[in-house]
Amino acid sequence: MTAPRFILQMQVSPDLSVAELAEIPSRRLMRAALALALTGCTDEGQSLAVSLQFLGGAEIAEINGQFRQRPQPTNCLSFPAPTQAWPGRRRPLGDILLCPAVVAREADEQGKPLRDHYRHLLIHSALHLLGHDHQEEEEAGIMEALETRLLAQLGVADPYRIQSNE
């Protein structure tokens, strides 16, 4: 399968500190992780549009409270675009929101390289945009296995095995 064509629209909140801005991975790293997760998802001649937003803790906590009834900062949130036929050449896939402060804290607490944790969260979020979920045990097993396989292709250790060994 060939990598999908996609447009990556990025926004960075003005509320992020200089330290948080410095921890955002390169566009190249983000595109590679997303491309891997999105392989095989487009029709001939079609491209995908993915919105990637980096938010501060207060911003993501507000959105998390509004949509998940958990008013605290979280590492990432995914909002798939409506699933309808898109006759045009660019199909909106959805929005991925990331909080650099939470991502960095988690990577440190879990002893993971920051760039690997970002890769994991980007793949995880892209799979949500494609309709995968982990609410039920069976769904979680399928999604985690897919994430682990994709991350291995990038040379990233199984994030679920690392967490269970702590």
N, C-alpha and C. Protein backbone atom coordinates (compact mmCIF):
# COMPACT_ATOMS: atom_id res chain seq x y z
N MET A 1 0.84 -1.18 0.00
CA MET A 1 0.00 0.00 0.00
C MET A 1 0.88 1.24 0.00
N THR A 2 0.38 2.24 -0.66
CA THR A 2 1.14 3.49 -0.69
C THR A 2 0.66 4.43 0.40
N ALA A 3 1.55 5.29 0.82
CA ALA A 3 1.21 6.27 1.85
C ALA A 3 0.17 7.23 1.28
N PRO A 4 -0.76 7.66 2.11
CA PRO A 4 -1.80 8.55 1.63
C PRO A 4 -1.28 9.95 1.38
N ARG A 5 -1.96 10.63 0.51
CA ARG A 5 -1.70 12.06 0.37
C ARG A 5 -2.57 12.75 1.40
N PHE A 6 -1.96 13.62 2.18
CA PHE A 6 -2.78 14.35 3.13
C PHE A 6 -2.20 15.72 3.40
N ILE A 7 -3.10 16.61 3.76
CA ILE A 7 -2.76 17.97 4.11
C ILE A 7 -2.75 18.02 5.64
N LEU A 8 -1.69 18.49 6.20
CA LEU A 8 -1.59 18.62 7.65
C LEU A 8 -1.70 20.10 7.99
N GLN A 9 -2.82 20.46 8.61
CA GLN A 9 -3.04 21.83 9.04
C GLN A 9 -2.69 21.91 10.51
N MET A 10 -1.73 22.76 10.84
CA MET A 10 -1.28 22.86 12.24
C MET A 10 -1.60 24.23 12.81
N GLN A 11 -2.01 24.19 14.08
CA GLN A 11 -2.23 25.43 14.83
C GLN A 11 -1.57 25.26 16.19
N VAL A 12 -0.95 26.33 16.64
CA VAL A 12 -0.31 26.32 17.95
C VAL A 12 -0.92 27.44 18.78
N SER A 13 -1.38 27.10 19.96
CA SER A 13 -2.02 28.08 20.84
C SER A 13 -1.02 29.14 21.29
N PRO A 14 -1.45 30.39 21.33
CA PRO A 14 -0.58 31.44 21.86
C PRO A 14 -0.36 31.30 23.37
N ASP A 15 -1.14 30.44 24.03
CA ASP A 15 -1.00 30.22 25.47
C ASP A 15 0.14 29.30 25.84
N LEU A 16 0.78 28.65 24.86
CA LEU A 16 1.88 27.74 25.16
C LEU A 16 3.13 28.51 25.57
N SER A 17 3.85 27.97 26.54
CA SER A 17 5.10 28.59 26.98
C SER A 17 6.21 28.28 25.96
N VAL A 18 7.32 28.97 26.10
CA VAL A 18 8.47 28.72 25.24
C VAL A 18 8.94 27.29 25.41
N ALA A 19 8.94 26.79 26.66
CA ALA A 19 9.36 25.40 26.91
C ALA A 19 8.43 24.41 26.23
N GLU A 20 7.12 24.67 26.27
CA GLU A 20 6.16 23.77 25.62
C GLU A 20 6.34 23.81 24.10
N LEU A 21 6.57 24.98 23.55
CA LEU A 21 6.79 25.11 22.12
C LEU A 21 8.03 24.32 21.68
N ALA A 22 9.06 24.36 22.51
CA ALA A 22 10.31 23.66 22.18
C ALA A 22 10.14 22.14 22.16
N GLU A 23 9.13 21.63 22.85
CA GLU A 23 8.93 20.18 22.93
C GLU A 23 8.05 19.63 21.82
N ILE A 24 7.46 20.48 21.01
CA ILE A 24 6.63 20.01 19.90
C ILE A 24 7.56 19.38 18.87
N PRO A 25 7.22 18.16 18.42
CA PRO A 25 8.10 17.48 17.47
C PRO A 25 8.11 18.15 16.10
N SER A 26 9.04 17.74 15.29
CA SER A 26 9.15 18.30 13.95
C SER A 26 7.95 17.91 13.10
N ARG A 27 7.66 18.73 12.14
CA ARG A 27 6.57 18.44 11.20
C ARG A 27 6.84 17.12 10.48
N ARG A 28 8.07 16.85 10.19
CA ARG A 28 8.45 15.61 9.50
C ARG A 28 8.08 14.38 10.34
N LEU A 29 8.39 14.42 11.63
CA LEU A 29 8.05 13.31 12.53
C LEU A 29 6.53 13.12 12.57
N MET A 30 5.80 14.21 12.67
CA MET A 30 4.35 14.13 12.76
C MET A 30 3.75 13.57 11.47
N ARG A 31 4.24 14.04 10.33
CA ARG A 31 3.73 13.55 9.04
C ARG A 31 4.02 12.07 8.88
N ALA A 32 5.20 11.62 9.29
CA ALA A 32 5.56 10.20 9.13
C ALA A 32 4.65 9.31 9.97
N ALA A 33 4.40 9.69 11.21
CA ALA A 33 3.53 8.89 12.08
C ALA A 33 2.10 8.86 11.54
N LEU A 34 1.60 10.01 11.13
CA LEU A 34 0.23 10.07 10.60
C LEU A 34 0.12 9.31 9.29
N ALA A 35 1.10 9.45 8.41
CA ALA A 35 1.05 8.76 7.12
C ALA A 35 0.99 7.25 7.32
N LEU A 36 1.75 6.75 8.27
CA LEU A 36 1.75 5.31 8.54
C LEU A 36 0.36 4.86 8.98
N ALA A 37 -0.26 5.59 9.89
CA ALA A 37 -1.58 5.23 10.39
C ALA A 37 -2.66 5.37 9.32
N LEU A 38 -2.47 6.27 8.38
CA LEU A 38 -3.51 6.56 7.38
C LEU A 38 -3.32 5.81 6.07
N THR A 39 -2.31 4.97 5.98
CA THR A 39 -2.04 4.24 4.74
C THR A 39 -3.27 3.42 4.33
N GLY A 40 -3.61 3.56 3.06
CA GLY A 40 -4.74 2.81 2.52
C GLY A 40 -6.10 3.43 2.75
N CYS A 41 -6.15 4.66 3.21
CA CYS A 41 -7.43 5.28 3.59
C CYS A 41 -8.02 6.21 2.54
N THR A 42 -7.38 6.37 1.41
CA THR A 42 -7.89 7.32 0.42
C THR A 42 -8.22 6.61 -0.88
N ASP A 43 -9.15 7.19 -1.60
CA ASP A 43 -9.47 6.74 -2.93
C ASP A 43 -8.46 7.34 -3.90
N GLU A 44 -8.40 6.79 -5.08
CA GLU A 44 -7.50 7.29 -6.12
C GLU A 44 -7.69 8.79 -6.34
N GLY A 45 -6.61 9.53 -6.29
CA GLY A 45 -6.65 10.97 -6.54
C GLY A 45 -7.18 11.81 -5.40
N GLN A 46 -7.53 11.19 -4.29
CA GLN A 46 -8.08 11.93 -3.16
C GLN A 46 -7.01 12.15 -2.10
N SER A 47 -7.09 13.24 -1.41
CA SER A 47 -6.19 13.48 -0.28
C SER A 47 -7.04 13.71 0.96
N LEU A 48 -6.41 13.53 2.10
CA LEU A 48 -7.07 13.73 3.38
C LEU A 48 -6.62 15.07 3.97
N ALA A 49 -7.44 15.65 4.81
CA ALA A 49 -7.07 16.86 5.54
C ALA A 49 -7.17 16.53 7.03
N VAL A 50 -6.06 16.72 7.73
CA VAL A 50 -6.00 16.47 9.16
C VAL A 50 -5.61 17.78 9.84
N SER A 51 -6.38 18.16 10.85
CA SER A 51 -6.08 19.35 11.63
C SER A 51 -5.38 18.91 12.91
N LEU A 52 -4.24 19.49 13.19
CA LEU A 52 -3.45 19.17 14.38
C LEU A 52 -3.28 20.45 15.18
N GLN A 53 -3.75 20.43 16.43
CA GLN A 53 -3.69 21.62 17.26
C GLN A 53 -2.94 21.32 18.55
N PHE A 54 -2.06 22.22 18.93
CA PHE A 54 -1.30 22.11 20.17
C PHE A 54 -1.87 23.14 21.14
N LEU A 55 -2.37 22.66 22.27
CA LEU A 55 -3.08 23.53 23.21
C LEU A 55 -2.43 23.51 24.59
N GLY A 56 -2.69 24.57 25.34
CA GLY A 56 -2.25 24.63 26.72
C GLY A 56 -3.16 23.79 27.60
N GLY A 57 -2.73 23.56 28.85
CA GLY A 57 -3.48 22.73 29.77
C GLY A 57 -4.89 23.20 30.05
N ALA A 58 -5.06 24.51 30.25
CA ALA A 58 -6.40 25.05 30.54
C ALA A 58 -7.32 24.89 29.33
N GLU A 59 -6.78 25.09 28.14
CA GLU A 59 -7.60 24.97 26.93
C GLU A 59 -8.09 23.54 26.72
N ILE A 60 -7.18 22.59 26.84
CA ILE A 60 -7.58 21.20 26.59
C ILE A 60 -8.46 20.68 27.73
N ALA A 61 -8.26 21.18 28.96
CA ALA A 61 -9.12 20.78 30.08
C ALA A 61 -10.56 21.25 29.83
N GLU A 62 -10.71 22.45 29.31
CA GLU A 62 -12.05 22.97 29.01
C GLU A 62 -12.74 22.11 27.95
N ILE A 63 -12.02 21.77 26.90
CA ILE A 63 -12.59 20.94 25.82
C ILE A 63 -12.87 19.52 26.34
N ASN A 64 -11.97 18.98 27.13
CA ASN A 64 -12.15 17.66 27.71
C ASN A 64 -13.40 17.64 28.61
N GLY A 65 -13.61 18.70 29.35
CA GLY A 65 -14.79 18.80 30.20
C GLY A 65 -16.07 18.90 29.38
N GLN A 66 -16.01 19.67 28.32
CA GLN A 66 -17.18 19.88 27.48
C GLN A 66 -17.59 18.60 26.75
N PHE A 67 -16.63 17.86 26.21
CA PHE A 67 -16.95 16.72 25.36
C PHE A 67 -16.85 15.36 26.06
N ARG A 68 -16.07 15.28 27.13
CA ARG A 68 -15.90 13.98 27.81
C ARG A 68 -16.27 14.04 29.29
N GLN A 69 -16.75 15.19 29.74
CA GLN A 69 -17.14 15.39 31.13
C GLN A 69 -15.98 15.09 32.09
N ARG A 70 -14.76 15.35 31.65
CA ARG A 70 -13.56 15.21 32.48
C ARG A 70 -12.78 16.52 32.39
N PRO A 71 -13.10 17.49 33.24
CA PRO A 71 -12.52 18.82 33.12
C PRO A 71 -11.08 18.93 33.64
N GLN A 72 -10.20 18.09 33.12
CA GLN A 72 -8.79 18.18 33.47
C GLN A 72 -7.96 18.03 32.19
N PRO A 73 -6.72 18.49 32.22
CA PRO A 73 -5.87 18.35 31.04
C PRO A 73 -5.68 16.87 30.68
N THR A 74 -5.58 16.60 29.40
CA THR A 74 -5.33 15.26 28.90
C THR A 74 -4.28 15.35 27.80
N ASN A 75 -3.67 14.22 27.45
CA ASN A 75 -2.61 14.24 26.45
C ASN A 75 -3.12 14.54 25.05
N CYS A 76 -4.24 13.91 24.65
CA CYS A 76 -4.75 14.13 23.31
C CYS A 76 -6.26 13.90 23.26
N LEU A 77 -6.88 14.53 22.30
CA LEU A 77 -8.28 14.34 21.99
C LEU A 77 -8.41 14.25 20.48
N SER A 78 -9.34 13.42 20.02
CA SER A 78 -9.57 13.27 18.58
C SER A 78 -11.03 13.53 18.28
N PHE A 79 -11.28 14.26 17.22
CA PHE A 79 -12.63 14.57 16.79
C PHE A 79 -12.76 14.25 15.30
N PRO A 80 -13.32 13.07 14.99
CA PRO A 80 -13.48 12.70 13.58
C PRO A 80 -14.45 13.64 12.86
N ALA A 81 -14.18 13.87 11.59
CA ALA A 81 -15.11 14.64 10.76
C ALA A 81 -16.33 13.76 10.49
N PRO A 82 -17.44 14.36 10.13
CA PRO A 82 -18.63 13.56 9.81
C PRO A 82 -18.31 12.53 8.73
N THR A 83 -18.87 11.35 8.90
CA THR A 83 -18.62 10.27 7.93
C THR A 83 -19.68 10.33 6.84
N GLN A 84 -19.34 11.02 5.79
CA GLN A 84 -20.21 11.14 4.63
C GLN A 84 -19.35 11.06 3.39
N ALA A 85 -19.96 10.90 2.28
CA ALA A 85 -19.21 10.85 1.02
C ALA A 85 -18.67 12.25 0.70
N TRP A 86 -17.40 12.29 0.37
CA TRP A 86 -16.78 13.56 0.00
C TRP A 86 -16.40 13.49 -1.47
N PRO A 87 -17.18 14.12 -2.32
CA PRO A 87 -16.92 14.01 -3.74
C PRO A 87 -15.68 14.78 -4.20
N GLY A 88 -15.21 15.69 -3.40
CA GLY A 88 -14.05 16.49 -3.79
C GLY A 88 -12.74 15.74 -3.65
N ARG A 89 -11.69 16.41 -3.99
CA ARG A 89 -10.36 15.79 -3.96
C ARG A 89 -9.77 15.79 -2.57
N ARG A 90 -10.28 16.60 -1.66
CA ARG A 90 -9.75 16.64 -0.30
C ARG A 90 -10.85 16.26 0.68
N ARG A 91 -10.63 15.17 1.41
CA ARG A 91 -11.61 14.68 2.39
C ARG A 91 -11.16 15.05 3.80
N PRO A 92 -11.95 15.85 4.52
CA PRO A 92 -11.56 16.16 5.90
C PRO A 92 -11.69 14.91 6.76
N LEU A 93 -10.62 14.60 7.49
CA LEU A 93 -10.62 13.41 8.33
C LEU A 93 -10.98 13.76 9.77
N GLY A 94 -10.51 14.91 10.26
CA GLY A 94 -10.86 15.32 11.60
C GLY A 94 -9.76 16.14 12.26
N ASP A 95 -9.95 16.35 13.57
CA ASP A 95 -9.05 17.18 14.36
C ASP A 95 -8.37 16.35 15.45
N ILE A 96 -7.09 16.60 15.64
CA ILE A 96 -6.32 16.00 16.73
C ILE A 96 -5.82 17.15 17.58
N LEU A 97 -6.12 17.09 18.87
CA LEU A 97 -5.67 18.11 19.81
C LEU A 97 -4.64 17.47 20.75
N LEU A 98 -3.52 18.12 20.93
CA LEU A 98 -2.46 17.62 21.81
C LEU A 98 -2.06 18.69 22.81
N CYS A 99 -1.73 18.25 24.01
CA CYS A 99 -1.26 19.17 25.05
C CYS A 99 0.20 18.86 25.35
N PRO A 100 1.13 19.67 24.84
CA PRO A 100 2.56 19.38 25.02
C PRO A 100 2.99 19.18 26.47
N ALA A 101 2.41 19.93 27.40
CA ALA A 101 2.80 19.79 28.81
C ALA A 101 2.45 18.40 29.34
N VAL A 102 1.27 17.90 29.02
CA VAL A 102 0.85 16.58 29.48
C VAL A 102 1.67 15.50 28.78
N VAL A 103 1.88 15.65 27.49
CA VAL A 103 2.66 14.65 26.74
C VAL A 103 4.07 14.55 27.31
N ALA A 104 4.70 15.68 27.56
CA ALA A 104 6.06 15.68 28.11
C ALA A 104 6.10 15.08 29.51
N ARG A 105 5.12 15.42 30.34
CA ARG A 105 5.08 14.86 31.69
C ARG A 105 4.92 13.34 31.66
N GLU A 106 4.03 12.85 30.81
CA GLU A 106 3.81 11.41 30.70
C GLU A 106 5.05 10.69 30.20
N ALA A 107 5.70 11.24 29.19
CA ALA A 107 6.90 10.61 28.65
C ALA A 107 7.96 10.50 29.74
N ASP A 108 8.11 11.56 30.53
CA ASP A 108 9.08 11.55 31.62
C ASP A 108 8.70 10.51 32.68
N GLU A 109 7.44 10.51 33.10
CA GLU A 109 6.98 9.57 34.13
C GLU A 109 7.11 8.11 33.67
N GLN A 110 6.90 7.87 32.38
CA GLN A 110 6.93 6.51 31.86
C GLN A 110 8.31 6.11 31.33
N GLY A 111 9.27 7.03 31.41
CA GLY A 111 10.62 6.73 30.96
C GLY A 111 10.72 6.49 29.47
N LYS A 112 9.91 7.19 28.69
CA LYS A 112 9.89 7.03 27.24
C LYS A 112 10.53 8.25 26.57
N PRO A 113 11.17 8.06 25.44
CA PRO A 113 11.61 9.23 24.68
C PRO A 113 10.39 10.05 24.25
N LEU A 114 10.48 11.36 24.38
CA LEU A 114 9.37 12.23 24.05
C LEU A 114 8.90 12.03 22.62
N ARG A 115 9.82 11.91 21.71
CA ARG A 115 9.43 11.75 20.30
C ARG A 115 8.66 10.46 20.08
N ASP A 116 9.00 9.39 20.81
CA ASP A 116 8.26 8.12 20.69
C ASP A 116 6.86 8.25 21.27
N HIS A 117 6.73 8.98 22.36
CA HIS A 117 5.40 9.17 22.95
C HIS A 117 4.52 9.98 22.00
N TYR A 118 5.08 11.00 21.37
CA TYR A 118 4.32 11.75 20.37
C TYR A 118 3.91 10.85 19.21
N ARG A 119 4.81 10.02 18.73
CA ARG A 119 4.48 9.10 17.63
C ARG A 119 3.30 8.22 18.03
N HIS A 120 3.36 7.69 19.25
CA HIS A 120 2.28 6.83 19.72
C HIS A 120 0.96 7.60 19.75
N LEU A 121 0.96 8.78 20.33
CA LEU A 121 -0.28 9.54 20.45
C LEU A 121 -0.82 9.98 19.08
N LEU A 122 0.05 10.29 18.15
CA LEU A 122 -0.40 10.66 16.80
C LEU A 122 -1.04 9.47 16.11
N ILE A 123 -0.42 8.30 16.20
CA ILE A 123 -1.00 7.10 15.59
C ILE A 123 -2.31 6.75 16.29
N HIS A 124 -2.31 6.79 17.60
CA HIS A 124 -3.52 6.51 18.39
C HIS A 124 -4.66 7.44 17.96
N SER A 125 -4.36 8.72 17.87
CA SER A 125 -5.38 9.71 17.50
C SER A 125 -5.87 9.50 16.07
N ALA A 126 -4.95 9.22 15.15
CA ALA A 126 -5.33 8.98 13.75
C ALA A 126 -6.25 7.76 13.65
N LEU A 127 -5.97 6.73 14.43
CA LEU A 127 -6.84 5.55 14.41
C LEU A 127 -8.23 5.89 14.92
N HIS A 128 -8.32 6.78 15.91
CA HIS A 128 -9.64 7.26 16.35
C HIS A 128 -10.36 7.97 15.21
N LEU A 129 -9.64 8.79 14.45
CA LEU A 129 -10.26 9.50 13.33
C LEU A 129 -10.79 8.52 12.29
N LEU A 130 -10.17 7.35 12.21
CA LEU A 130 -10.59 6.32 11.25
C LEU A 130 -11.69 5.42 11.80
N GLY A 131 -12.12 5.67 13.04
CA GLY A 131 -13.23 4.91 13.60
C GLY A 131 -12.87 3.86 14.63
N HIS A 132 -11.59 3.69 14.92
CA HIS A 132 -11.19 2.72 15.95
C HIS A 132 -11.51 3.29 17.33
N ASP A 133 -11.73 2.39 18.28
CA ASP A 133 -12.05 2.82 19.63
C ASP A 133 -11.49 1.80 20.62
N HIS A 134 -11.52 2.16 21.89
CA HIS A 134 -11.00 1.26 22.93
C HIS A 134 -11.89 1.26 24.16
N GLN A 135 -13.18 1.49 23.94
CA GLN A 135 -14.12 1.50 25.06
C GLN A 135 -14.42 0.10 25.58
N GLU A 136 -14.51 -0.85 24.66
CA GLU A 136 -14.75 -2.25 25.03
C GLU A 136 -13.43 -3.01 24.96
N GLU A 137 -13.31 -4.06 25.76
CA GLU A 137 -12.05 -4.80 25.85
C GLU A 137 -11.60 -5.36 24.49
N GLU A 138 -12.54 -5.90 23.72
CA GLU A 138 -12.18 -6.45 22.41
C GLU A 138 -11.66 -5.36 21.47
N GLU A 139 -12.37 -4.22 21.45
CA GLU A 139 -11.94 -3.09 20.61
C GLU A 139 -10.56 -2.60 21.04
N ALA A 140 -10.35 -2.52 22.34
CA ALA A 140 -9.07 -2.05 22.87
C ALA A 140 -7.94 -2.97 22.42
N GLY A 141 -8.17 -4.27 22.47
CA GLY A 141 -7.15 -5.22 22.04
C GLY A 141 -6.79 -5.06 20.58
N ILE A 142 -7.80 -4.86 19.75
CA ILE A 142 -7.57 -4.66 18.31
C ILE A 142 -6.79 -3.38 18.07
N MET A 143 -7.23 -2.30 18.72
CA MET A 143 -6.58 -1.00 18.51
C MET A 143 -5.15 -1.01 19.03
N GLU A 144 -4.93 -1.58 20.21
CA GLU A 144 -3.57 -1.63 20.77
C GLU A 144 -2.64 -2.47 19.91
N ALA A 145 -3.13 -3.58 19.37
CA ALA A 145 -2.30 -4.43 18.50
C ALA A 145 -1.91 -3.67 17.23
N LEU A 146 -2.86 -2.93 16.68
CA LEU A 146 -2.57 -2.14 15.48
C LEU A 146 -1.57 -1.04 15.79
N GLU A 147 -1.76 -0.34 16.89
CA GLU A 147 -0.81 0.70 17.29
C GLU A 147 0.59 0.11 17.46
N THR A 148 0.68 -1.01 18.15
CA THR A 148 1.97 -1.65 18.41
C THR A 148 2.66 -2.04 17.11
N ARG A 149 1.89 -2.59 16.16
CA ARG A 149 2.46 -2.99 14.86
C ARG A 149 2.96 -1.78 14.09
N LEU A 150 2.18 -0.71 14.06
CA LEU A 150 2.59 0.50 13.34
C LEU A 150 3.81 1.14 14.00
N LEU A 151 3.82 1.21 15.31
CA LEU A 151 4.96 1.80 16.02
C LEU A 151 6.23 1.00 15.80
N ALA A 152 6.11 -0.32 15.74
CA ALA A 152 7.28 -1.17 15.49
C ALA A 152 7.91 -0.83 14.13
N GLN A 153 7.07 -0.46 13.16
CA GLN A 153 7.60 -0.07 11.85
C GLN A 153 8.42 1.21 11.92
N LEU A 154 8.20 1.99 12.97
CA LEU A 154 8.98 3.22 13.19
C LEU A 154 10.12 2.98 14.18
N GLY A 155 10.26 1.75 14.64
CA GLY A 155 11.32 1.43 15.60
C GLY A 155 10.99 1.84 17.02
N VAL A 156 9.70 1.96 17.33
CA VAL A 156 9.25 2.37 18.66
C VAL A 156 8.78 1.13 19.43
N ALA A 157 9.24 1.02 20.66
CA ALA A 157 8.87 -0.12 21.50
C ALA A 157 7.37 -0.13 21.79
N ASP A 158 6.86 -1.31 22.07
CA ASP A 158 5.45 -1.49 22.40
C ASP A 158 5.11 -0.65 23.64
N PRO A 159 4.29 0.39 23.49
CA PRO A 159 4.00 1.27 24.63
C PRO A 159 3.17 0.59 25.71
N TYR A 160 2.44 -0.43 25.35
CA TYR A 160 1.60 -1.11 26.33
C TYR A 160 2.42 -2.11 27.16
N ARG A 161 3.41 -2.71 26.57
CA ARG A 161 4.31 -3.61 27.31
C ARG A 161 5.15 -2.82 28.30
N ILE A 162 5.62 -1.66 27.89
CA ILE A 162 6.43 -0.82 28.77
C ILE A 162 5.62 -0.42 30.00
N GLN A 163 4.37 0.00 29.78
CA GLN A 163 3.53 0.44 30.89
C GLN A 163 3.23 -0.70 31.84
N SER A 164 3.03 -1.92 31.33
CA SER A 164 2.66 -3.02 32.21
C SER A 164 3.82 -3.55 33.01
N ASN A 165 5.06 -3.19 32.66
CA ASN A 165 6.23 -3.66 33.40
C ASN A 165 6.63 -2.74 34.53
N GLU A 166 5.92 -1.63 34.71
CA GLU A 166 6.30 -0.68 35.75
C GLU A 166 5.88 -1.16 37.12
